[in-house]
Amino acid sequence: MLKYSHPTLAWILDYWPITIFMPAILLLIATLALVTRWWDRRDQEARESVRQPAADAGVVGIWESGRQKPSPRPRSDQPVDGQDARAAS
């Protein structure tokens, strides 16, 4: 056994896999199990709150395109090659 001032501390450090490592692993497993149960319960509640889809009525809806103005057209005073007169100076 290790020589420390306190015999309990010496025992804990001598058997650290059982006294420190094993409880840490068990706490990790318990935490993951609780998080998984919470997550599954939340998913189940979300699935239950979704409404059933409506039956198909055979109606097709028509929507406007949403465009407010007509498509922009090039102005005739712009140069054809795409360069501006200011860029040449």
PDB file of N, CA and C in Angstrom:
ATOM      1  N   MET A   1       0.841  -1.174   0.000  1.00  0.00           N
ATOM      2  CA  MET A   1       0.000   0.000   0.000  1.00  0.00           C
ATOM      3  C   MET A   1       0.890   1.243   0.000  1.00  0.00           C
ATOM      4  N   LEU A   2       0.390   2.297  -0.609  1.00  0.00           N
ATOM      5  CA  LEU A   2       1.143   3.542  -0.679  1.00  0.00           C
ATOM      6  C   LEU A   2       1.263   4.158   0.705  1.00  0.00           C
ATOM      7  N   LYS A   3       2.330   4.895   0.921  1.00  0.00           N
ATOM      8  CA  LYS A   3       2.552   5.520   2.233  1.00  0.00           C
ATOM      9  C   LYS A   3       2.093   6.977   2.176  1.00  0.00           C
ATOM     10  N   TYR A   4       0.962   7.241   2.784  1.00  0.00           N
ATOM     11  CA  TYR A   4       0.424   8.584   2.892  1.00  0.00           C
ATOM     12  C   TYR A   4       0.121   8.853   4.363  1.00  0.00           C
ATOM     13  N   SER A   5      -0.165  10.110   4.672  1.00  0.00           N
ATOM     14  CA  SER A   5      -0.413  10.466   6.066  1.00  0.00           C
ATOM     15  C   SER A   5      -1.747   9.917   6.567  1.00  0.00           C
ATOM     16  N   HIS A   6      -2.678   9.667   5.645  1.00  0.00           N
ATOM     17  CA  HIS A   6      -3.983   9.170   6.052  1.00  0.00           C
ATOM     18  C   HIS A   6      -4.226   7.810   5.406  1.00  0.00           C
ATOM     19  N   PRO A   7      -4.581   6.797   6.156  1.00  0.00           N
ATOM     20  CA  PRO A   7      -4.746   5.459   5.583  1.00  0.00           C
ATOM     21  C   PRO A   7      -5.910   5.359   4.590  1.00  0.00           C
ATOM     22  N   THR A   8      -6.978   6.140   4.787  1.00  0.00           N
ATOM     23  CA  THR A   8      -8.101   6.102   3.844  1.00  0.00           C
ATOM     24  C   THR A   8      -7.687   6.662   2.494  1.00  0.00           C
ATOM     25  N   LEU A   9      -6.957   7.747   2.488  1.00  0.00           N
ATOM     26  CA  LEU A   9      -6.451   8.320   1.242  1.00  0.00           C
ATOM     27  C   LEU A   9      -5.520   7.331   0.537  1.00  0.00           C
ATOM     28  N   ALA A  10      -4.697   6.651   1.303  1.00  0.00           N
ATOM     29  CA  ALA A  10      -3.806   5.658   0.713  1.00  0.00           C
ATOM     30  C   ALA A  10      -4.599   4.532   0.077  1.00  0.00           C
ATOM     31  N   TRP A  11      -5.671   4.087   0.735  1.00  0.00           N
ATOM     32  CA  TRP A  11      -6.487   3.008   0.181  1.00  0.00           C
ATOM     33  C   TRP A  11      -7.198   3.465  -1.090  1.00  0.00           C
ATOM     34  N   ILE A  12      -7.742   4.698  -1.067  1.00  0.00           N
ATOM     35  CA  ILE A  12      -8.447   5.227  -2.249  1.00  0.00           C
ATOM     36  C   ILE A  12      -7.497   5.332  -3.435  1.00  0.00           C
ATOM     37  N   LEU A  13      -6.315   5.851  -3.212  1.00  0.00           N
ATOM     38  CA  LEU A  13      -5.373   6.015  -4.318  1.00  0.00           C
ATOM     39  C   LEU A  13      -4.768   4.689  -4.758  1.00  0.00           C
ATOM     40  N   ASP A  14      -4.666   3.747  -3.853  1.00  0.00           N
ATOM     41  CA  ASP A  14      -4.129   2.444  -4.217  1.00  0.00           C
ATOM     42  C   ASP A  14      -5.124   1.672  -5.087  1.00  0.00           C
ATOM     43  N   TYR A  15      -6.397   1.810  -4.796  1.00  0.00           N
ATOM     44  CA  TYR A  15      -7.442   1.125  -5.554  1.00  0.00           C
ATOM     45  C   TYR A  15      -8.241   2.119  -6.398  1.00  0.00           C
ATOM     46  N   TRP A  16      -7.556   3.026  -7.113  1.00  0.00           N
ATOM     47  CA  TRP A  16      -8.229   4.085  -7.845  1.00  0.00           C
ATOM     48  C   TRP A  16      -9.142   3.583  -8.959  1.00  0.00           C
ATOM     49  N   PRO A  17      -8.851   2.442  -9.611  1.00  0.00           N
ATOM     50  CA  PRO A  17      -9.808   2.015 -10.642  1.00  0.00           C
ATOM     51  C   PRO A  17     -11.197   1.723 -10.070  1.00  0.00           C
ATOM     52  N   ILE A  18     -11.245   1.197  -8.849  1.00  0.00           N
ATOM     53  CA  ILE A  18     -12.533   0.878  -8.237  1.00  0.00           C
ATOM     54  C   ILE A  18     -13.137   2.097  -7.549  1.00  0.00           C
ATOM     55  N   THR A  19     -12.325   2.914  -6.922  1.00  0.00           N
ATOM     56  CA  THR A  19     -12.847   4.020  -6.118  1.00  0.00           C
ATOM     57  C   THR A  19     -13.089   5.300  -6.903  1.00  0.00           C
ATOM     58  N   ILE A  20     -12.402   5.483  -8.021  1.00  0.00           N
ATOM     59  CA  ILE A  20     -12.547   6.735  -8.782  1.00  0.00           C
ATOM     60  C   ILE A  20     -13.067   6.461 -10.194  1.00  0.00           C
ATOM     61  N   PHE A  21     -12.414   5.581 -10.918  1.00  0.00           N
ATOM     62  CA  PHE A  21     -12.728   5.355 -12.324  1.00  0.00           C
ATOM     63  C   PHE A  21     -14.107   4.702 -12.504  1.00  0.00           C
ATOM     64  N   MET A  22     -14.400   3.671 -11.740  1.00  0.00           N
ATOM     65  CA  MET A  22     -15.675   2.961 -11.872  1.00  0.00           C
ATOM     66  C   MET A  22     -16.874   3.857 -11.553  1.00  0.00           C
ATOM     67  N   PRO A  23     -16.886   4.631 -10.475  1.00  0.00           N
ATOM     68  CA  PRO A  23     -18.039   5.531 -10.259  1.00  0.00           C
ATOM     69  C   PRO A  23     -18.179   6.587 -11.348  1.00  0.00           C
ATOM     70  N   ALA A  24     -17.060   7.057 -11.887  1.00  0.00           N
ATOM     71  CA  ALA A  24     -17.143   8.049 -12.962  1.00  0.00           C
ATOM     72  C   ALA A  24     -17.803   7.441 -14.200  1.00  0.00           C
ATOM     73  N   ILE A  25     -17.456   6.215 -14.544  1.00  0.00           N
ATOM     74  CA  ILE A  25     -18.056   5.547 -15.697  1.00  0.00           C
ATOM     75  C   ILE A  25     -19.542   5.289 -15.443  1.00  0.00           C
ATOM     76  N   LEU A  26     -19.890   4.866 -14.228  1.00  0.00           N
ATOM     77  CA  LEU A  26     -21.297   4.630 -13.908  1.00  0.00           C
ATOM     78  C   LEU A  26     -22.118   5.919 -13.957  1.00  0.00           C
ATOM     79  N   LEU A  27     -21.547   7.016 -13.488  1.00  0.00           N
ATOM     80  CA  LEU A  27     -22.243   8.306 -13.587  1.00  0.00           C
ATOM     81  C   LEU A  27     -22.436   8.732 -15.037  1.00  0.00           C
ATOM     82  N   LEU A  28     -21.444   8.491 -15.861  1.00  0.00           N
ATOM     83  CA  LEU A  28     -21.566   8.818 -17.286  1.00  0.00           C
ATOM     84  C   LEU A  28     -22.672   7.996 -17.932  1.00  0.00           C
ATOM     85  N   ILE A  29     -22.724   6.717 -17.646  1.00  0.00           N
ATOM     86  CA  ILE A  29     -23.761   5.857 -18.220  1.00  0.00           C
ATOM     87  C   ILE A  29     -25.145   6.289 -17.731  1.00  0.00           C
ATOM     88  N   ALA A  30     -25.277   6.595 -16.454  1.00  0.00           N
ATOM     89  CA  ALA A  30     -26.568   7.039 -15.925  1.00  0.00           C
ATOM     90  C   ALA A  30     -27.005   8.359 -16.554  1.00  0.00           C
ATOM     91  N   THR A  31     -26.068   9.274 -16.725  1.00  0.00           N
ATOM     92  CA  THR A  31     -26.397  10.565 -17.350  1.00  0.00           C
ATOM     93  C   THR A  31     -26.849  10.376 -18.790  1.00  0.00           C
ATOM     94  N   LEU A  32     -26.151   9.544 -19.532  1.00  0.00           N
ATOM     95  CA  LEU A  32     -26.546   9.290 -20.921  1.00  0.00           C
ATOM     96  C   LEU A  32     -27.912   8.613 -20.996  1.00  0.00           C
ATOM     97  N   ALA A  33     -28.201   7.717 -20.068  1.00  0.00           N
ATOM     98  CA  ALA A  33     -29.511   7.064 -20.049  1.00  0.00           C
ATOM     99  C   ALA A  33     -30.619   8.073 -19.761  1.00  0.00           C
ATOM    100  N   LEU A  34     -30.397   8.972 -18.806  1.00  0.00           N
ATOM    101  CA  LEU A  34     -31.417   9.974 -18.491  1.00  0.00           C
ATOM    102  C   LEU A  34     -31.634  10.952 -19.635  1.00  0.00           C
ATOM    103  N   VAL A  35     -30.554  11.374 -20.277  1.00  0.00           N
ATOM    104  CA  VAL A  35     -30.682  12.284 -21.420  1.00  0.00           C
ATOM    105  C   VAL A  35     -31.423  11.601 -22.558  1.00  0.00           C
ATOM    106  N   THR A  36     -31.131  10.323 -22.783  1.00  0.00           N
ATOM    107  CA  THR A  36     -31.814   9.585 -23.850  1.00  0.00           C
ATOM    108  C   THR A  36     -33.306   9.457 -23.551  1.00  0.00           C
ATOM    109  N   ARG A  37     -33.675   9.161 -22.316  1.00  0.00           N
ATOM    110  CA  ARG A  37     -35.094   9.065 -21.957  1.00  0.00           C
ATOM    111  C   ARG A  37     -35.793  10.403 -22.139  1.00  0.00           C
ATOM    112  N   TRP A  38     -35.140  11.495 -21.722  1.00  0.00           N
ATOM    113  CA  TRP A  38     -35.727  12.828 -21.873  1.00  0.00           C
ATOM    114  C   TRP A  38     -35.914  13.157 -23.351  1.00  0.00           C
ATOM    115  N   TRP A  39     -34.895  12.834 -24.163  1.00  0.00           N
ATOM    116  CA  TRP A  39     -34.955  13.148 -25.589  1.00  0.00           C
ATOM    117  C   TRP A  39     -36.054  12.338 -26.265  1.00  0.00           C
ATOM    118  N   ASP A  40     -36.183  11.049 -25.938  1.00  0.00           N
ATOM    119  CA  ASP A  40     -37.225  10.215 -26.528  1.00  0.00           C
ATOM    120  C   ASP A  40     -38.614  10.701 -26.129  1.00  0.00           C
ATOM    121  N   ARG A  41     -38.782  11.122 -24.870  1.00  0.00           N
ATOM    122  CA  ARG A  41     -40.079  11.633 -24.426  1.00  0.00           C
ATOM    123  C   ARG A  41     -40.429  12.904 -25.184  1.00  0.00           C
ATOM    124  N   ARG A  42     -39.437  13.764 -25.402  1.00  0.00           N
ATOM    125  CA  ARG A  42     -39.685  15.003 -26.137  1.00  0.00           C
ATOM    126  C   ARG A  42     -40.067  14.714 -27.593  1.00  0.00           C
ATOM    127  N   ASP A  43     -39.380  13.747 -28.216  1.00  0.00           N
ATOM    128  CA  ASP A  43     -39.717  13.369 -29.592  1.00  0.00           C
ATOM    129  C   ASP A  43     -41.106  12.762 -29.685  1.00  0.00           C
ATOM    130  N   GLN A  44     -41.475  11.938 -28.703  1.00  0.00           N
ATOM    131  CA  GLN A  44     -42.801  11.326 -28.702  1.00  0.00           C
ATOM    132  C   GLN A  44     -43.881  12.388 -28.575  1.00  0.00           C
ATOM    133  N   GLU A  45     -43.683  13.368 -27.711  1.00  0.00           N
ATOM    134  CA  GLU A  45     -44.662  14.449 -27.567  1.00  0.00           C
ATOM    135  C   GLU A  45     -44.769  15.262 -28.853  1.00  0.00           C
ATOM    136  N   ALA A  46     -43.652  15.469 -29.532  1.00  0.00           N
ATOM    137  CA  ALA A  46     -43.688  16.225 -30.788  1.00  0.00           C
ATOM    138  C   ALA A  46     -44.424  15.434 -31.858  1.00  0.00           C
ATOM    139  N   ARG A  47     -44.231  14.102 -31.895  1.00  0.00           N
ATOM    140  CA  ARG A  47     -44.932  13.276 -32.869  1.00  0.00           C
ATOM    141  C   ARG A  47     -46.432  13.269 -32.611  1.00  0.00           C
ATOM    142  N   GLU A  48     -46.827  13.259 -31.351  1.00  0.00           N
ATOM    143  CA  GLU A  48     -48.249  13.246 -31.024  1.00  0.00           C
ATOM    144  C   GLU A  48     -48.923  14.584 -31.295  1.00  0.00           C
ATOM    145  N   SER A  49     -48.182  15.659 -31.253  1.00  0.00           N
ATOM    146  CA  SER A  49     -48.785  16.975 -31.450  1.00  0.00           C
ATOM    147  C   SER A  49     -48.952  17.340 -32.926  1.00  0.00           C
ATOM    148  N   VAL A  50     -48.389  16.553 -33.823  1.00  0.00           N
ATOM    149  CA  VAL A  50     -48.504  16.838 -35.256  1.00  0.00           C
ATOM    150  C   VAL A  50     -49.886  16.408 -35.721  1.00  0.00           C
ATOM    151  N   ARG A  51     -50.559  17.288 -36.447  1.00  0.00           N
ATOM    152  CA  ARG A  51     -51.888  16.959 -36.948  1.00  0.00           C
ATOM    153  C   ARG A  51     -51.776  15.999 -38.123  1.00  0.00           C
ATOM    154  N   GLN A  52     -52.811  15.225 -38.322  1.00  0.00           N
ATOM    155  CA  GLN A  52     -52.859  14.320 -39.461  1.00  0.00           C
ATOM    156  C   GLN A  52     -53.058  15.143 -40.734  1.00  0.00           C
ATOM    157  N   PRO A  53     -52.431  14.741 -41.841  1.00  0.00           N
ATOM    158  CA  PRO A  53     -52.616  15.508 -43.078  1.00  0.00           C
ATOM    159  C   PRO A  53     -54.058  15.425 -43.568  1.00  0.00           C
ATOM    160  N   ALA A  54     -54.503  16.498 -44.181  1.00  0.00           N
ATOM    161  CA  ALA A  54     -55.860  16.549 -44.700  1.00  0.00           C
ATOM    162  C   ALA A  54     -55.993  15.640 -45.923  1.00  0.00           C
ATOM    163  N   ALA A  55     -57.185  15.145 -46.147  1.00  0.00           N
ATOM    164  CA  ALA A  55     -57.430  14.283 -47.301  1.00  0.00           C
ATOM    165  C   ALA A  55     -57.343  15.112 -48.576  1.00  0.00           C
ATOM    166  N   ASP A  56     -56.878  14.493 -49.638  1.00  0.00           N
ATOM    167  CA  ASP A  56     -56.778  15.188 -50.921  1.00  0.00           C
ATOM    168  C   ASP A  56     -58.174  15.486 -51.445  1.00  0.00           C
ATOM    169  N   ALA A  57     -58.412  16.749 -51.800  1.00  0.00           N
ATOM    170  CA  ALA A  57     -59.719  17.156 -52.308  1.00  0.00           C
ATOM    171  C   ALA A  57     -59.704  17.301 -53.820  1.00  0.00           C
ATOM    172  N   GLY A  58     -58.550  17.166 -54.433  1.00  0.00           N
ATOM    173  CA  GLY A  58     -58.467  17.284 -55.878  1.00  0.00           C
ATOM    174  C   GLY A  58     -58.448  18.717 -56.356  1.00  0.00           C
ATOM    175  N   VAL A  59     -58.159  19.673 -55.490  1.00  0.00           N
ATOM    176  CA  VAL A  59     -58.149  21.078 -55.857  1.00  0.00           C
ATOM    177  C   VAL A  59     -56.704  21.517 -56.028  1.00  0.00           C
ATOM    178  N   VAL A  60     -56.442  22.191 -57.137  1.00  0.00           N
ATOM    179  CA  VAL A  60     -55.103  22.708 -57.400  1.00  0.00           C
ATOM    180  C   VAL A  60     -55.140  24.215 -57.195  1.00  0.00           C
ATOM    181  N   GLY A  61     -54.260  24.702 -56.362  1.00  0.00           N
ATOM    182  CA  GLY A  61     -54.197  26.134 -56.105  1.00  0.00           C
ATOM    183  C   GLY A  61     -53.274  26.820 -57.088  1.00  0.00           C
ATOM    184  N   ILE A  62     -53.600  28.064 -57.429  1.00  0.00           N
ATOM    185  CA  ILE A  62     -52.772  28.844 -58.339  1.00  0.00           C
ATOM    186  C   ILE A  62     -52.253  30.045 -57.570  1.00  0.00           C
ATOM    187  N   TRP A  63     -50.949  30.211 -57.596  1.00  0.00           N
ATOM    188  CA  TRP A  63     -50.325  31.326 -56.903  1.00  0.00           C
ATOM    189  C   TRP A  63     -49.694  32.266 -57.906  1.00  0.00           C
ATOM    190  N   GLU A  64     -49.732  33.538 -57.571  1.00  0.00           N
ATOM    191  CA  GLU A  64     -49.033  34.522 -58.374  1.00  0.00           C
ATOM    192  C   GLU A  64     -47.541  34.321 -58.180  1.00  0.00           C
ATOM    193  N   SER A  65     -46.754  34.818 -59.110  1.00  0.00           N
ATOM    194  CA  SER A  65     -45.308  34.602 -59.039  1.00  0.00           C
ATOM    195  C   SER A  65     -44.660  35.405 -57.918  1.00  0.00           C
ATOM    196  N   GLY A  66     -45.305  36.425 -57.436  1.00  0.00           N
ATOM    197  CA  GLY A  66     -44.749  37.236 -56.372  1.00  0.00           C
ATOM    198  C   GLY A  66     -43.900  38.383 -56.883  1.00  0.00           C
ATOM    199  N   ARG A  67     -43.658  38.455 -58.161  1.00  0.00           N
ATOM    200  CA  ARG A  67     -42.859  39.529 -58.736  1.00  0.00           C
ATOM    201  C   ARG A  67     -43.715  40.782 -58.817  1.00  0.00           C
ATOM    202  N   GLN A  68     -43.225  41.867 -58.249  1.00  0.00           N
ATOM    203  CA  GLN A  68     -43.976  43.103 -58.201  1.00  0.00           C
ATOM    204  C   GLN A  68     -43.775  43.944 -59.459  1.00  0.00           C
ATOM    205  N   LYS A  69     -42.564  43.943 -59.990  1.00  0.00           N
ATOM    206  CA  LYS A  69     -42.260  44.747 -61.172  1.00  0.00           C
ATOM    207  C   LYS A  69     -41.856  43.825 -62.314  1.00  0.00           C
ATOM    208  N   PRO A  70     -41.988  44.259 -63.527  1.00  0.00           N
ATOM    209  CA  PRO A  70     -41.537  43.422 -64.634  1.00  0.00           C
ATOM    210  C   PRO A  70     -40.020  43.263 -64.607  1.00  0.00           C
ATOM    211  N   SER A  71     -39.536  42.319 -65.332  1.00  0.00           N
ATOM    212  CA  SER A  71     -38.099  42.053 -65.372  1.00  0.00           C
ATOM    213  C   SER A  71     -37.343  43.273 -65.880  1.00  0.00           C
ATOM    214  N   PRO A  72     -36.197  43.589 -65.305  1.00  0.00           N
ATOM    215  CA  PRO A  72     -35.428  44.749 -65.795  1.00  0.00           C
ATOM    216  C   PRO A  72     -34.889  44.477 -67.189  1.00  0.00           C
ATOM    217  N   ARG A  73     -34.966  45.498 -68.028  1.00  0.00           N
ATOM    218  CA  ARG A  73     -34.461  45.386 -69.397  1.00  0.00           C
ATOM    219  C   ARG A  73     -33.263  46.329 -69.534  1.00  0.00           C
ATOM    220  N   PRO A  74     -32.286  45.960 -70.337  1.00  0.00           N
ATOM    221  CA  PRO A  74     -31.119  46.843 -70.500  1.00  0.00           C
ATOM    222  C   PRO A  74     -31.519  48.154 -71.160  1.00  0.00           C
ATOM    223  N   ARG A  75     -30.907  49.233 -70.668  1.00  0.00           N
ATOM    224  CA  ARG A  75     -31.183  50.545 -71.266  1.00  0.00           C
ATOM    225  C   ARG A  75     -30.384  50.693 -72.554  1.00  0.00           C
ATOM    226  N   SER A  76     -30.907  51.503 -73.448  1.00  0.00           N
ATOM    227  CA  SER A  76     -30.248  51.659 -74.742  1.00  0.00           C
ATOM    228  C   SER A  76     -29.014  52.555 -74.650  1.00  0.00           C
ATOM    229  N   ASP A  77     -28.864  53.393 -73.589  1.00  0.00           N
ATOM    230  CA  ASP A  77     -27.715  54.273 -73.497  1.00  0.00           C
ATOM    231  C   ASP A  77     -26.498  53.577 -72.886  1.00  0.00           C
ATOM    232  N   GLN A  78     -26.608  52.323 -72.463  1.00  0.00           N
ATOM    233  CA  GLN A  78     -25.454  51.604 -71.937  1.00  0.00           C
ATOM    234  C   GLN A  78     -24.652  51.024 -73.097  1.00  0.00           C
ATOM    235  N   PRO A  79     -23.304  51.049 -72.984  1.00  0.00           N
ATOM    236  CA  PRO A  79     -22.491  50.456 -74.048  1.00  0.00           C
ATOM    237  C   PRO A  79     -22.732  48.954 -74.165  1.00  0.00           C
ATOM    238  N   VAL A  80     -22.555  48.439 -75.341  1.00  0.00           N
ATOM    239  CA  VAL A  80     -22.830  47.041 -75.606  1.00  0.00           C
ATOM    240  C   VAL A  80     -21.769  46.128 -74.987  1.00  0.00           C
ATOM    241  N   ASP A  81     -20.502  46.579 -74.990  1.00  0.00           N
ATOM    242  CA  ASP A  81     -19.427  45.705 -74.497  1.00  0.00           C
ATOM    243  C   ASP A  81     -19.375  45.652 -72.968  1.00  0.00           C
ATOM    244  N   GLY A  82     -20.185  46.408 -72.260  1.00  0.00           N
ATOM    245  CA  GLY A  82     -20.266  46.311 -70.817  1.00  0.00           C
ATOM    246  C   GLY A  82     -19.346  47.261 -70.071  1.00  0.00           C
ATOM    247  N   GLN A  83     -18.520  48.066 -70.753  1.00  0.00           N
ATOM    248  CA  GLN A  83     -17.626  48.988 -70.063  1.00  0.00           C
ATOM    249  C   GLN A  83     -18.267  50.364 -69.969  1.00  0.00           C
ATOM    250  N   ASP A  84     -18.080  50.990 -68.867  1.00  0.00           N
ATOM    251  CA  ASP A  84     -18.644  52.302 -68.635  1.00  0.00           C
ATOM    252  C   ASP A  84     -17.636  53.350 -69.078  1.00  0.00           C
ATOM    253  N   ALA A  85     -18.102  54.538 -69.452  1.00  0.00           N
ATOM    254  CA  ALA A  85     -17.203  55.599 -69.903  1.00  0.00           C
ATOM    255  C   ALA A  85     -16.321  56.087 -68.763  1.00  0.00           C
ATOM    256  N   ARG A  86     -16.811  55.994 -67.518  1.00  0.00           N
ATOM    257  CA  ARG A  86     -15.996  56.422 -66.371  1.00  0.00           C
ATOM    258  C   ARG A  86     -14.820  55.491 -66.150  1.00  0.00           C
ATOM    259  N   ALA A  87     -14.988  54.235 -66.450  1.00  0.00           N
ATOM    260  CA  ALA A  87     -13.901  53.261 -66.215  1.00  0.00           C
ATOM    261  C   ALA A  87     -12.755  53.454 -67.186  1.00  0.00           C
ATOM    262  N   ALA A  88     -13.009  54.060 -68.345  1.00  0.00           N
ATOM    263  CA  ALA A  88     -11.954  54.246 -69.336  1.00  0.00           C
ATOM    264  C   ALA A  88     -11.036  55.394 -68.981  1.00  0.00           C
ATOM    265  N   SER A  89     -11.470  56.327 -68.168  1.00  0.00           N
ATOM    266  CA  SER A  89     -10.626  57.477 -67.854  1.00  0.00           C
ATOM    267  C   SER A  89      -9.669  57.221 -66.726  1.00  0.00           C
TER     268      SER A  89
END
